[in-house]
Amino acid sequence: MSKIIAICNQKGGVGKTTTSINLGIGLARKNKKVLLVDFDPQGNATQGLGYDADALEKTVTTIIRKMINKDYTFEKDFGILHHEEGIDLLPANIDLAVIETELISLFFGRETILKNYFDRIREEYDYIIIDCMPSLNLITINALVAADQVIIPLHAQYYSVRGLEQLFQTIGSIISNGLNPSLKIAGILYTCVNDRTNSFRGIHNILENAYGQDIHIFKNYIPRSVKAEEAPSYGQSIYTYDQSGKVSMAYRGFTDELILLDEERG
């Protein structure tokens, strides 16, 4: 049975897509079968892996509509692309932006549409990674209801930390209302870090004191790097674009830490 991980933070620009791509490919490089689900209408993960999102006819939107209409006749690999770096991708484009309206119109089960899809395919994968959109709307709720774990990428900045409580409240509501009672927070991942600044050390201390006893804060963090910003424009992961660079080393360490954490938690 696969593990389903939502990469989620309602604040934009915190490295969700970069983390989704490089965690997914990092797991694939360890011989794990991985599906990356682009669940953001901006289609950044799709474009970051080298695809023209707007030219694609079959996307996650197509899947969601089929599930809404109870059309279960499609094959398990329907709409899934196979990337040269060993990862599968369920792409997205701007069409996903209108799905929330269609979900809201459902009387029952609107929060579980994505979960119902994963129930059909999850045996095909070791890991399913969901790149969530920067919002806590019904699309993101679907991702959190479908997930086993949440990883929260976070810039070590004061304004980023302020938004954490709202995300924690949303996760808590999903658990307490029975939509996904087994949902766990896998941890907080610092991204775009300059560890020589007092700001990073101060934010790290605040988070450790506030949440460290209850929530895992990954020891491996992702440093700021121009290479990491350039890689998506070439449709490549950081492992291919800058194999020996500091960001690729950081994502290797983060991937190893996540696997070890999963093994310890059973």
Protein backbone atom coordinates (compact mmCIF):
# COMPACT_ATOMS: atom_id res chain seq x y z
CA MET A 1 0.00 0.00 0.00
CA SER A 2 1.43 3.36 -1.00
CA LYS A 3 1.98 6.38 1.22
CA ILE A 4 0.17 9.51 0.07
CA ILE A 5 1.90 12.77 0.98
CA ALA A 6 0.40 16.24 0.50
CA ILE A 7 2.94 19.05 0.14
CA CYS A 8 0.87 21.89 1.54
CA ASN A 9 1.09 25.50 2.66
CA GLN A 10 -1.52 28.13 1.87
CA LYS A 11 1.25 30.71 1.44
CA GLY A 12 2.68 30.89 -2.07
CA GLY A 13 6.36 30.92 -2.97
CA VAL A 14 7.53 28.62 -0.19
CA GLY A 15 8.94 25.84 -2.38
CA LYS A 16 5.97 23.46 -2.56
CA THR A 17 6.51 22.56 -6.21
CA THR A 18 10.29 22.37 -5.97
CA THR A 19 9.92 20.08 -2.97
CA SER A 20 7.23 17.96 -4.64
CA ILE A 21 9.35 17.39 -7.74
CA ASN A 22 12.63 16.74 -5.97
CA LEU A 23 11.16 14.58 -3.22
CA GLY A 24 9.32 12.53 -5.84
CA ILE A 25 12.37 12.05 -8.03
CA GLY A 26 14.55 11.50 -4.97
CA LEU A 27 12.28 8.61 -3.98
CA ALA A 28 12.29 7.31 -7.57
CA ARG A 29 16.10 7.28 -7.49
CA LYS A 30 15.78 4.91 -4.53
CA ASN A 31 13.77 2.50 -6.68
CA LYS A 32 10.41 3.62 -5.33
CA LYS A 33 7.52 3.84 -7.76
CA VAL A 34 6.22 7.39 -7.46
CA LEU A 35 3.27 9.34 -8.81
CA LEU A 36 3.41 13.13 -8.59
CA VAL A 37 -0.03 14.75 -8.75
CA ASP A 38 -0.03 18.37 -9.83
CA PHE A 39 -3.04 19.74 -7.94
CA ASP A 40 -2.48 23.42 -8.68
CA PRO A 41 -4.18 25.27 -11.58
CA GLN A 42 -0.91 27.10 -12.22
CA GLY A 43 0.52 23.77 -13.41
CA ASN A 44 3.97 24.57 -12.07
CA ALA A 45 4.93 20.95 -11.38
CA THR A 46 3.79 20.01 -14.89
CA GLN A 47 5.82 22.80 -16.46
CA GLY A 48 8.74 22.16 -14.09
CA LEU A 49 9.02 18.65 -15.52
CA GLY A 50 9.15 20.00 -19.05
CA TYR A 51 5.54 19.66 -20.25
CA ASP A 52 3.40 22.29 -21.95
CA ALA A 53 0.52 22.30 -19.47
CA ASP A 54 -1.90 24.19 -21.72
CA ALA A 55 -1.43 21.71 -24.58
CA LEU A 56 -2.45 18.68 -22.53
CA GLU A 57 -5.92 17.26 -23.12
CA LYS A 58 -5.89 14.76 -20.24
CA THR A 59 -5.13 16.21 -16.83
CA VAL A 60 -6.13 15.80 -13.20
CA THR A 61 -9.20 17.89 -14.07
CA THR A 62 -10.30 15.17 -16.50
CA ILE A 63 -9.93 12.59 -13.73
CA ILE A 64 -11.86 14.66 -11.17
CA ARG A 65 -14.72 15.19 -13.61
CA LYS A 66 -14.90 11.47 -14.34
CA MET A 67 -15.04 10.75 -10.61
CA ILE A 68 -17.74 13.40 -10.08
CA ASN A 69 -19.79 11.83 -12.87
CA LYS A 70 -19.11 8.30 -11.54
CA ASP A 71 -17.47 7.33 -14.82
CA TYR A 72 -15.12 4.60 -13.61
CA THR A 73 -14.42 3.01 -17.00
CA PHE A 74 -10.96 4.56 -17.49
CA GLU A 75 -7.71 2.59 -17.14
CA LYS A 76 -5.49 3.08 -14.09
CA ASP A 77 -2.82 4.87 -16.14
CA PHE A 78 -5.32 7.20 -17.83
CA GLY A 79 -3.83 10.70 -18.16
CA ILE A 80 -0.56 9.76 -16.44
CA LEU A 81 2.71 10.85 -18.05
CA HIS A 82 6.01 9.00 -17.61
CA HIS A 83 8.94 11.35 -17.08
CA GLU A 84 12.46 10.43 -18.15
CA GLU A 85 13.77 10.82 -14.58
CA GLY A 86 11.69 7.84 -13.46
CA ILE A 87 8.64 9.52 -11.99
CA ASP A 88 5.01 9.42 -13.14
CA LEU A 89 3.04 12.66 -13.34
CA LEU A 90 -0.66 13.40 -13.31
CA PRO A 91 -0.51 16.90 -14.81
CA ALA A 92 -2.61 20.01 -14.26
CA ASN A 93 -3.39 23.25 -16.04
CA ILE A 94 -5.69 26.23 -15.65
CA ASP A 95 -8.77 24.01 -16.20
CA LEU A 96 -8.43 22.90 -12.57
CA ALA A 97 -9.45 26.40 -11.45
CA VAL A 98 -13.13 25.75 -12.27
CA ILE A 99 -13.32 22.39 -10.49
CA GLU A 100 -14.05 23.92 -7.09
CA THR A 101 -17.38 25.22 -8.36
CA GLU A 102 -18.25 21.75 -9.65
CA LEU A 103 -17.25 20.18 -6.32
CA ILE A 104 -19.31 22.68 -4.32
CA SER A 105 -22.39 21.71 -6.33
CA LEU A 106 -22.15 18.13 -5.05
CA PHE A 107 -24.55 17.35 -2.20
CA PHE A 108 -22.53 14.44 -0.79
CA GLY A 109 -18.88 13.41 -0.93
CA ARG A 110 -17.36 16.56 -2.38
CA GLU A 111 -14.35 16.35 -0.03
CA THR A 112 -13.53 12.74 -0.97
CA ILE A 113 -13.40 12.83 -4.79
CA LEU A 114 -9.58 12.70 -4.97
CA LYS A 115 -9.44 10.01 -2.27
CA ASN A 116 -11.86 7.87 -4.27
CA TYR A 117 -9.56 8.15 -7.28
CA PHE A 118 -6.49 7.22 -5.23
CA ASP A 119 -8.31 4.19 -3.85
CA ARG A 120 -8.40 2.92 -7.45
CA ILE A 121 -4.69 3.42 -8.22
CA ARG A 122 -2.68 3.54 -5.00
CA GLU A 123 -1.65 -0.11 -5.15
CA GLU A 124 0.35 0.78 -8.28
CA TYR A 125 2.74 3.07 -6.35
CA ASP A 126 4.99 3.20 -3.31
CA TYR A 127 4.46 6.95 -2.93
CA ILE A 128 1.91 9.43 -4.24
CA ILE A 129 3.01 13.07 -3.84
CA ILE A 130 0.39 15.84 -4.14
CA ASP A 131 1.62 19.32 -5.02
CA CYS A 132 -1.14 21.45 -3.47
CA MET A 133 -2.21 24.92 -4.54
CA PRO A 134 -1.49 27.92 -2.25
CA SER A 135 -4.99 28.07 -0.78
CA LEU A 136 -7.08 26.23 1.79
CA ASN A 137 -10.04 25.83 -0.56
CA LEU A 138 -12.07 22.72 -1.43
CA ILE A 139 -9.42 21.51 -3.88
CA THR A 140 -6.78 21.53 -1.15
CA ILE A 141 -9.26 19.95 1.29
CA ASN A 142 -9.60 17.08 -1.18
CA ALA A 143 -5.83 16.63 -1.11
CA LEU A 144 -5.71 16.61 2.70
CA VAL A 145 -8.62 14.16 2.94
CA ALA A 146 -6.83 11.85 0.48
CA ALA A 147 -3.40 12.06 2.15
CA ASP A 148 -1.78 9.96 4.83
CA GLN A 149 0.73 12.67 5.70
CA VAL A 150 1.34 16.38 5.22
CA ILE A 151 4.73 17.97 4.66
CA ILE A 152 4.76 21.74 5.20
CA PRO A 153 7.48 23.65 3.31
CA LEU A 154 8.25 26.88 5.10
CA HIS A 155 10.40 29.92 4.48
CA ALA A 156 12.09 30.80 7.73
CA GLN A 157 10.44 34.20 7.84
CA TYR A 158 8.10 35.76 10.38
CA TYR A 159 5.17 36.19 7.96
CA SER A 160 5.43 32.55 6.84
CA VAL A 161 5.27 31.34 10.44
CA ARG A 162 2.12 33.36 11.16
CA GLY A 163 0.17 31.35 8.58
CA LEU A 164 1.02 28.01 10.14
CA GLU A 165 -1.71 28.15 12.77
CA GLN A 166 -4.45 28.45 10.14
CA LEU A 167 -3.09 25.39 8.34
CA PHE A 168 -2.90 23.45 11.61
CA GLN A 169 -6.52 24.39 12.38
CA THR A 170 -7.64 23.17 8.95
CA ILE A 171 -5.81 19.86 9.42
CA GLY A 172 -7.29 19.54 12.90
CA SER A 173 -10.80 20.12 11.56
CA ILE A 174 -10.34 17.45 8.89
CA ILE A 175 -9.26 15.00 11.59
CA SER A 176 -11.88 15.91 14.20
CA ASN A 177 -14.77 15.92 11.71
CA GLY A 178 -13.94 12.40 10.60
CA LEU A 179 -12.99 13.31 7.02
CA ASN A 180 -9.52 11.82 7.52
CA PRO A 181 -9.00 10.80 11.16
CA SER A 182 -5.62 9.17 10.45
CA LEU A 183 -4.04 12.24 8.79
CA LYS A 184 -0.61 13.07 10.24
CA ILE A 185 1.81 15.96 9.87
CA ALA A 186 5.05 14.35 8.68
CA GLY A 187 6.94 17.51 9.44
CA ILE A 188 7.97 21.07 8.62
CA LEU A 189 10.68 21.56 5.99
CA TYR A 190 12.64 24.82 5.88
CA THR A 191 13.20 26.03 2.31
CA CYS A 192 15.24 28.83 0.70
CA VAL A 193 17.34 29.01 3.84
CA ASN A 194 20.25 31.33 4.49
CA ASP A 195 21.52 29.70 7.68
CA ARG A 196 24.03 32.46 8.36
CA THR A 197 21.30 34.94 9.27
CA ASN A 198 19.96 35.71 12.72
CA SER A 199 16.47 35.57 11.20
CA PHE A 200 16.73 31.87 10.38
CA ARG A 201 18.10 30.97 13.80
CA GLY A 202 15.41 33.06 15.51
CA ILE A 203 12.53 31.51 13.56
CA HIS A 204 13.99 28.04 14.11
CA ASN A 205 14.06 28.62 17.87
CA ILE A 206 10.48 29.93 17.86
CA LEU A 207 9.18 26.89 15.98
CA GLU A 208 11.14 24.43 18.10
CA ASN A 209 9.74 25.96 21.28
CA ALA A 210 6.18 26.23 19.96
CA TYR A 211 5.79 22.97 18.04
CA GLY A 212 8.96 20.89 18.39
CA GLN A 213 7.49 18.47 20.95
CA ASP A 214 4.49 17.62 18.77
CA ILE A 215 5.61 18.16 15.17
CA HIS A 216 8.76 16.89 13.50
CA ILE A 217 10.96 19.67 12.12
CA PHE A 218 13.24 18.15 9.50
CA LYS A 219 16.92 18.41 10.36
CA ASN A 220 17.74 18.63 6.66
CA TYR A 221 16.75 21.99 5.22
CA ILE A 222 16.90 23.38 1.69
CA PRO A 223 19.33 26.25 1.13
CA ARG A 224 18.64 29.19 -1.14
CA SER A 225 20.12 28.63 -4.59
CA VAL A 226 19.89 30.15 -8.07
CA LYS A 227 20.37 26.65 -9.52
CA ALA A 228 17.17 25.45 -7.85
CA GLU A 229 15.28 28.35 -9.41
CA GLU A 230 16.74 27.63 -12.87
CA ALA A 231 16.13 23.86 -12.98
CA PRO A 232 12.36 23.98 -13.75
CA SER A 233 12.94 26.11 -16.85
CA TYR A 234 14.88 23.15 -18.26
CA GLY A 235 12.24 20.60 -17.26
CA GLN A 236 14.68 18.92 -14.89
CA SER A 237 14.98 18.06 -11.23
CA ILE A 238 17.84 19.55 -9.25
CA TYR A 239 19.48 16.11 -9.30
CA THR A 240 19.93 16.32 -13.07
CA TYR A 241 20.46 20.06 -13.40
CA ASP A 242 23.00 20.44 -10.59
CA GLN A 243 23.91 16.93 -9.47
CA SER A 244 26.67 17.83 -7.01
CA GLY A 245 25.21 21.13 -5.83
CA LYS A 246 24.13 22.03 -2.32
CA VAL A 247 20.40 21.83 -3.06
CA SER A 248 20.59 18.36 -4.60
CA MET A 249 22.58 17.22 -1.56
CA ALA A 250 19.97 18.80 0.72
CA TYR A 251 17.07 17.05 -1.03
CA ARG A 252 18.93 13.73 -0.84
CA GLY A 253 19.30 14.22 2.90
CA PHE A 254 15.66 15.24 3.29
CA THR A 255 14.48 12.21 1.30
CA ASP A 256 16.60 9.88 3.44
CA GLU A 257 15.28 11.51 6.60
CA LEU A 258 11.67 11.07 5.45
CA ILE A 259 12.18 7.39 4.61
CA LEU A 260 13.82 6.78 8.00
CA LEU A 261 11.00 8.62 9.74
CA ASP A 262 8.42 6.50 7.94
CA GLU A 263 10.25 3.32 8.98
CA GLU A 264 10.41 4.44 12.62
CA ARG A 265 6.71 5.30 12.66
CA GLY A 266 5.81 2.02 10.98
